[in-house]
Amino acid sequence: MKIAEVGDIIEFKDGLRGLVEKVNDNSVIVDLTIMSNYRDLDLEEKTVVNHKRYKIVKSAKDSE
């Protein structure tokens, strides 16, 4: 399993996507406001996701 890095976009929990802002030992903190339907979903701006519960959709290194 590859651990996400700051700047990566991850997908978790049936299609939610977020931008990784901080990497912790067991989890990442993600910003959900990058989703186009963010306001419709009535979610908090940020959330914590365990490393076992996401997949990397776009690596920050891809945009370099």
Protein backbone atom coordinates (compact mmCIF):
# COMPACT_ATOMS: atom_id res chain seq x y z
CA MET A 1 0.00 0.00 0.00
CA LYS A 2 1.37 3.39 -1.01
CA ILE A 3 0.92 6.20 1.51
CA ALA A 4 -0.33 9.50 0.12
CA GLU A 5 1.81 12.62 0.23
CA VAL A 6 0.90 16.27 0.73
CA GLY A 7 -0.71 17.56 -2.47
CA ASP A 8 -2.08 14.19 -3.60
CA ILE A 9 -5.77 13.74 -4.36
CA ILE A 10 -7.31 10.68 -2.75
CA GLU A 11 -10.66 8.94 -3.05
CA PHE A 12 -12.42 7.29 -0.12
CA LYS A 13 -15.83 6.28 1.20
CA ASP A 14 -17.73 5.63 -2.06
CA GLY A 15 -16.38 8.43 -4.21
CA LEU A 16 -15.52 11.31 -1.89
CA ARG A 17 -12.32 13.05 -2.96
CA GLY A 18 -9.96 15.28 -1.05
CA LEU A 19 -6.63 17.05 -1.26
CA VAL A 20 -4.07 15.76 1.24
CA GLU A 21 -2.91 18.57 3.52
CA LYS A 22 -1.06 16.63 6.22
CA VAL A 23 0.27 13.10 6.57
CA ASN A 24 0.21 11.48 10.02
CA ASP A 25 1.49 8.06 11.14
CA ASN A 26 -1.82 6.26 10.57
CA SER A 27 -3.90 8.76 8.60
CA VAL A 28 -4.06 11.82 6.38
CA ILE A 29 -5.95 15.08 6.79
CA VAL A 30 -7.77 16.05 3.60
CA ASP A 31 -9.51 19.16 2.30
CA LEU A 32 -12.88 18.21 0.77
CA THR A 33 -13.66 21.61 -0.76
CA ILE A 34 -11.98 20.57 -4.04
CA MET A 35 -15.08 18.56 -4.99
CA SER A 36 -17.45 20.40 -7.32
CA ASN A 37 -20.49 19.18 -5.34
CA TYR A 38 -18.95 19.93 -1.92
CA ARG A 39 -21.64 22.46 -0.90
CA ASP A 40 -24.45 20.05 -1.80
CA LEU A 41 -23.06 17.30 0.42
CA ASP A 42 -23.21 19.26 3.70
CA LEU A 43 -19.80 18.05 4.91
CA GLU A 44 -17.09 19.58 7.05
CA GLU A 45 -14.25 21.24 5.09
CA LYS A 46 -11.64 18.78 6.35
CA THR A 47 -11.61 15.20 7.54
CA VAL A 48 -9.21 12.49 8.67
CA VAL A 49 -8.86 9.29 6.64
CA ASN A 50 -6.97 6.17 7.71
CA HIS A 51 -4.23 5.01 5.31
CA LYS A 52 -6.11 1.71 4.82
CA ARG A 53 -9.28 3.45 3.65
CA TYR A 54 -8.27 5.46 0.57
CA LYS A 55 -6.70 5.16 -2.84
CA ILE A 56 -4.53 7.79 -4.52
CA VAL A 57 -6.32 9.23 -7.56
CA LYS A 58 -3.73 11.82 -8.59
CA SER A 59 -0.23 12.19 -7.27
CA ALA A 60 1.17 15.66 -6.60
CA LYS A 61 4.28 14.52 -8.47
CA ASP A 62 2.21 14.09 -11.66
CA SER A 63 1.66 17.83 -11.90
CA GLU A 64 5.34 18.74 -11.55
